[in-house]
Amino acid sequence: MNPKVIERFLDRAKMWNEEMRLLRKICLECGLDEDYKWMHPCYTYQNKNVVLIHEFKEYCALLFHKGVLLKDTEKILIQQTENVQAARQIRFTSMDQIVALESIIKTYIFEAIEVEKSGVEVPLKKTQEFTIVDEFQKKLDESPELKTAFEALTAGRQRGYLLHFSQAKQSKTREARIEKYREAILEGKGLDDK
């Protein structure tokens, strides 16, 4: 990994620049390898994702990819949304907060490394356990081509669509979303694929 990519990311960060630089230093001090994935600094152990640094409007965060498996003795890990199954965040709103928690952050990182060493995987909800809204089921029933294309998608892409369609409160909105992504599904693309 070329550190210049991370430097460029940090230089361009409008908010949380100093905080993310300190989080980067902490990750590197824990012996993690630095990479750039999903447009953010990502820290790995033997090519396994351990933590990701990312910024939001109200906070910056250290995201633990298998955070649900950590003990969270300090009760500081946060599930970003109800649909996030494995990852958990520690959120920061100031440099002082990161400095005060530095030793705890390192403890969590070392625990996350041990999780990777153990080979334990997070048991994820199966795609079949996600709700298929009636509007989408009807389209699948009407179009064998769409059904075949949807079933050929990766499980993650399928879940992405099912969540996106089911989050709409009104039937009209669900139908519009399904129609909007019909071609992408037929092309084998995920929700966020270009």
Foldseek 3Di string as FASTA:
>chain_A
DDCVLQVVLLVPDPPCSVVVVVVVVLLVVLVWDWDAPPNFIFTHDPPHTAWTWADDPQWIKIKGQQVVPDPPPVVQWADPDPQRQGITIRTDRDNVVCVVCSVVVSVRSVVSVVCVVVVDDGDDDFLVPFDADPLNVVVVVVDVLLVVLLVPADRVLNNQLSVVLVVDPDPVVSNVSCVVCSVCSSVRHGPPDD
